[in-house]
Amino acid sequence: MYPPIILHGGQLVQRAGTEKSKGTKVFAVTGAVNNIAWLKCHGHSLRSIIYDIGGGIKGKRKFKGADGRPSAVIPESLVDTRGL
């Protein structure tokens, strides 16, 4: 059996994202989180990735920022943005 992308083309993957960010994104959830993970997802907010998938921040620490694309830091003010 062929993977869905072979059967249906790139349009299938593009539908998985948001209007401004097509397709899926790969994330490594590491550091002071309860569940370290490597995942491929689409349309999630950073808050959802950290708290729902990563199980939240260890201890009573506050989220300050995250490493983003090369040479970028995602600040707390963008934690609810989808499709980063």
N, C-alpha and C. Protein backbone atom coordinates (compact mmCIF):
# COMPACT_ATOMS: atom_id res chain seq x y z
N MET A 1 0.84 -1.18 0.00
CA MET A 1 0.00 0.00 0.00
C MET A 1 0.89 1.24 0.00
N TYR A 2 0.53 2.22 -0.79
CA TYR A 2 1.31 3.45 -0.89
C TYR A 2 0.88 4.46 0.18
N PRO A 3 1.81 5.29 0.63
CA PRO A 3 1.44 6.34 1.59
C PRO A 3 0.45 7.32 0.96
N PRO A 4 -0.39 7.95 1.77
CA PRO A 4 -1.40 8.87 1.25
C PRO A 4 -0.83 10.00 0.39
N ILE A 5 0.38 10.47 0.70
CA ILE A 5 0.94 11.57 -0.10
C ILE A 5 1.24 11.11 -1.52
N ILE A 6 1.59 9.86 -1.70
CA ILE A 6 1.84 9.31 -3.05
C ILE A 6 0.51 9.18 -3.79
N LEU A 7 -0.50 8.74 -3.09
CA LEU A 7 -1.81 8.52 -3.72
C LEU A 7 -2.54 9.83 -4.03
N HIS A 8 -2.38 10.84 -3.16
CA HIS A 8 -3.18 12.06 -3.30
C HIS A 8 -2.38 13.32 -3.60
N GLY A 9 -1.06 13.25 -3.58
CA GLY A 9 -0.23 14.40 -3.93
C GLY A 9 0.01 15.37 -2.78
N GLY A 10 0.81 16.38 -3.09
CA GLY A 10 1.20 17.37 -2.09
C GLY A 10 0.06 18.18 -1.52
N GLN A 11 -1.03 18.28 -2.26
CA GLN A 11 -2.19 19.05 -1.77
C GLN A 11 -2.71 18.47 -0.46
N LEU A 12 -2.60 17.16 -0.29
CA LEU A 12 -3.05 16.52 0.94
C LEU A 12 -2.26 17.05 2.13
N VAL A 13 -0.95 17.16 1.99
CA VAL A 13 -0.11 17.65 3.08
C VAL A 13 -0.35 19.13 3.32
N GLN A 14 -0.53 19.91 2.25
CA GLN A 14 -0.76 21.34 2.41
C GLN A 14 -2.03 21.63 3.20
N ARG A 15 -3.04 20.81 3.04
CA ARG A 15 -4.29 21.01 3.77
C ARG A 15 -4.11 20.83 5.27
N ALA A 16 -3.05 20.14 5.67
CA ALA A 16 -2.83 19.85 7.08
C ALA A 16 -2.44 21.09 7.88
N GLY A 17 -1.91 22.12 7.25
CA GLY A 17 -1.44 23.30 7.97
C GLY A 17 -2.47 24.40 8.07
N THR A 18 -1.96 25.60 8.27
CA THR A 18 -2.81 26.78 8.35
C THR A 18 -2.68 27.56 7.04
N GLU A 19 -3.44 28.62 6.90
CA GLU A 19 -3.40 29.41 5.67
C GLU A 19 -2.00 29.96 5.38
N LYS A 20 -1.33 30.44 6.41
CA LYS A 20 0.01 31.03 6.23
C LYS A 20 1.14 30.02 6.39
N SER A 21 0.86 28.85 6.90
CA SER A 21 1.91 27.86 7.16
C SER A 21 1.41 26.49 6.70
N LYS A 22 1.64 26.18 5.44
CA LYS A 22 1.13 24.94 4.84
C LYS A 22 1.90 23.71 5.34
N GLY A 23 1.22 22.60 5.39
CA GLY A 23 1.85 21.33 5.71
C GLY A 23 2.08 21.11 7.20
N THR A 24 2.91 20.13 7.49
CA THR A 24 3.21 19.77 8.87
C THR A 24 4.56 20.35 9.27
N LYS A 25 4.81 20.40 10.57
CA LYS A 25 6.07 20.88 11.12
C LYS A 25 6.60 19.84 12.10
N VAL A 26 7.92 19.76 12.19
CA VAL A 26 8.56 18.84 13.11
C VAL A 26 9.02 19.63 14.33
N PHE A 27 8.73 19.12 15.52
CA PHE A 27 9.11 19.77 16.77
C PHE A 27 9.86 18.80 17.65
N ALA A 28 10.87 19.30 18.35
CA ALA A 28 11.55 18.56 19.41
C ALA A 28 11.18 19.28 20.71
N VAL A 29 10.51 18.60 21.59
CA VAL A 29 10.11 19.17 22.87
C VAL A 29 11.11 18.66 23.90
N THR A 30 11.99 19.54 24.34
CA THR A 30 13.04 19.16 25.29
C THR A 30 13.17 20.23 26.37
N GLY A 31 14.08 20.00 27.29
CA GLY A 31 14.33 20.98 28.35
C GLY A 31 13.50 20.71 29.57
N ALA A 32 13.04 21.77 30.22
CA ALA A 32 12.34 21.66 31.49
C ALA A 32 10.86 21.35 31.31
N VAL A 33 10.54 20.32 30.52
CA VAL A 33 9.16 19.87 30.36
C VAL A 33 9.02 18.48 30.96
N ASN A 34 7.80 18.07 31.23
CA ASN A 34 7.57 16.77 31.85
C ASN A 34 7.67 15.60 30.87
N ASN A 35 7.32 15.82 29.60
CA ASN A 35 7.38 14.75 28.60
C ASN A 35 8.22 15.21 27.42
N ILE A 36 9.42 14.69 27.31
CA ILE A 36 10.27 15.02 26.17
C ILE A 36 9.72 14.27 24.96
N ALA A 37 9.62 14.96 23.83
CA ALA A 37 8.99 14.35 22.65
C ALA A 37 9.61 14.88 21.36
N TRP A 38 9.47 14.07 20.32
CA TRP A 38 9.82 14.44 18.94
C TRP A 38 8.55 14.18 18.17
N LEU A 39 7.97 15.23 17.55
CA LEU A 39 6.68 15.02 16.92
C LEU A 39 6.53 15.80 15.64
N LYS A 40 5.60 15.39 14.85
CA LYS A 40 5.24 16.04 13.59
C LYS A 40 3.76 16.41 13.72
N CYS A 41 3.48 17.70 13.64
CA CYS A 41 2.09 18.12 13.82
C CYS A 41 1.79 19.32 12.94
N HIS A 42 0.58 19.80 13.00
CA HIS A 42 0.16 20.92 12.17
C HIS A 42 -0.88 21.74 12.89
N GLY A 43 -0.80 23.06 12.74
CA GLY A 43 -1.83 23.93 13.27
C GLY A 43 -1.91 24.03 14.78
N HIS A 44 -0.95 23.46 15.50
CA HIS A 44 -0.97 23.54 16.96
C HIS A 44 -0.33 24.86 17.41
N SER A 45 -0.76 25.37 18.55
CA SER A 45 -0.09 26.51 19.14
C SER A 45 1.09 25.98 19.95
N LEU A 46 2.05 26.86 20.23
CA LEU A 46 3.18 26.48 21.06
C LEU A 46 2.69 26.08 22.45
N ARG A 47 1.67 26.76 22.95
CA ARG A 47 1.11 26.41 24.26
C ARG A 47 0.61 24.96 24.26
N SER A 48 -0.08 24.56 23.21
CA SER A 48 -0.58 23.19 23.10
C SER A 48 0.57 22.18 23.08
N ILE A 49 1.62 22.51 22.33
CA ILE A 49 2.76 21.59 22.25
C ILE A 49 3.44 21.46 23.61
N ILE A 50 3.64 22.57 24.30
CA ILE A 50 4.33 22.53 25.60
C ILE A 50 3.48 21.89 26.68
N TYR A 51 2.22 22.30 26.78
CA TYR A 51 1.40 21.87 27.91
C TYR A 51 0.61 20.59 27.65
N ASP A 52 0.08 20.40 26.45
CA ASP A 52 -0.70 19.20 26.17
C ASP A 52 0.20 18.02 25.82
N ILE A 53 1.15 18.23 24.93
CA ILE A 53 2.03 17.14 24.50
C ILE A 53 3.23 17.01 25.43
N GLY A 54 3.85 18.15 25.78
CA GLY A 54 5.02 18.13 26.65
C GLY A 54 4.70 17.96 28.12
N GLY A 55 3.43 17.97 28.48
CA GLY A 55 3.04 17.75 29.87
C GLY A 55 3.31 18.93 30.79
N GLY A 56 3.61 20.09 30.22
CA GLY A 56 3.84 21.28 31.02
C GLY A 56 5.29 21.44 31.43
N ILE A 57 5.56 22.56 32.06
CA ILE A 57 6.91 22.89 32.51
C ILE A 57 7.13 22.32 33.90
N LYS A 58 8.31 21.72 34.12
CA LYS A 58 8.62 21.12 35.42
C LYS A 58 8.64 22.17 36.52
N GLY A 59 8.24 21.73 37.71
CA GLY A 59 8.25 22.61 38.86
C GLY A 59 7.26 23.74 38.70
N LYS A 60 7.56 24.86 39.27
CA LYS A 60 6.67 26.02 39.18
C LYS A 60 7.28 27.10 38.31
N ARG A 61 8.06 26.67 37.34
CA ARG A 61 8.70 27.62 36.44
C ARG A 61 7.68 28.24 35.49
N LYS A 62 7.98 29.44 35.04
CA LYS A 62 7.14 30.16 34.09
C LYS A 62 7.76 30.06 32.70
N PHE A 63 6.94 29.93 31.68
CA PHE A 63 7.44 29.91 30.31
C PHE A 63 8.01 31.28 29.97
N LYS A 64 9.24 31.30 29.43
CA LYS A 64 9.88 32.56 29.07
C LYS A 64 10.08 32.68 27.57
N GLY A 65 10.31 31.57 26.89
CA GLY A 65 10.55 31.59 25.46
C GLY A 65 11.00 30.23 24.98
N ALA A 66 11.09 30.08 23.66
CA ALA A 66 11.51 28.82 23.07
C ALA A 66 12.38 29.10 21.85
N ASP A 67 13.28 28.18 21.56
CA ASP A 67 14.07 28.29 20.33
C ASP A 67 13.15 28.04 19.16
N GLY A 68 13.21 28.92 18.18
CA GLY A 68 12.38 28.78 17.00
C GLY A 68 13.23 28.44 15.80
N ARG A 69 12.89 29.01 14.68
CA ARG A 69 13.66 28.80 13.46
C ARG A 69 15.08 29.27 13.71
N PRO A 70 16.02 28.94 12.84
CA PRO A 70 17.41 29.33 13.10
C PRO A 70 17.53 30.80 13.49
N SER A 71 18.25 31.03 14.58
CA SER A 71 18.52 32.38 15.11
C SER A 71 17.27 33.12 15.52
N ALA A 72 16.25 32.43 15.97
CA ALA A 72 15.02 33.09 16.42
C ALA A 72 14.60 32.55 17.78
N VAL A 73 14.03 33.40 18.58
CA VAL A 73 13.45 32.99 19.85
C VAL A 73 11.97 33.34 19.81
N ILE A 74 11.14 32.39 20.21
CA ILE A 74 9.69 32.62 20.24
C ILE A 74 9.37 33.09 21.66
N PRO A 75 8.95 34.34 21.82
CA PRO A 75 8.67 34.86 23.16
C PRO A 75 7.32 34.39 23.70
N GLU A 76 7.11 34.60 24.99
CA GLU A 76 5.87 34.21 25.64
C GLU A 76 4.66 34.88 24.99
N SER A 77 4.84 36.05 24.42
CA SER A 77 3.72 36.77 23.81
C SER A 77 3.14 36.05 22.59
N LEU A 78 3.89 35.11 22.01
CA LEU A 78 3.42 34.37 20.82
C LEU A 78 3.04 32.92 21.14
N VAL A 79 2.95 32.56 22.40
CA VAL A 79 2.72 31.18 22.79
C VAL A 79 1.38 30.61 22.28
N ASP A 80 0.41 31.47 21.98
CA ASP A 80 -0.87 30.99 21.48
C ASP A 80 -1.01 31.08 19.96
N THR A 81 0.03 31.49 19.26
CA THR A 81 0.01 31.55 17.80
C THR A 81 0.03 30.14 17.24
N ARG A 82 -0.83 29.86 16.27
CA ARG A 82 -0.88 28.53 15.65
C ARG A 82 0.00 28.52 14.41
N GLY A 83 0.60 27.37 14.15
CA GLY A 83 1.36 27.16 12.92
C GLY A 83 2.70 27.89 12.86
N LEU A 84 3.36 28.05 14.00
CA LEU A 84 4.67 28.71 14.00
C LEU A 84 5.67 27.93 13.21
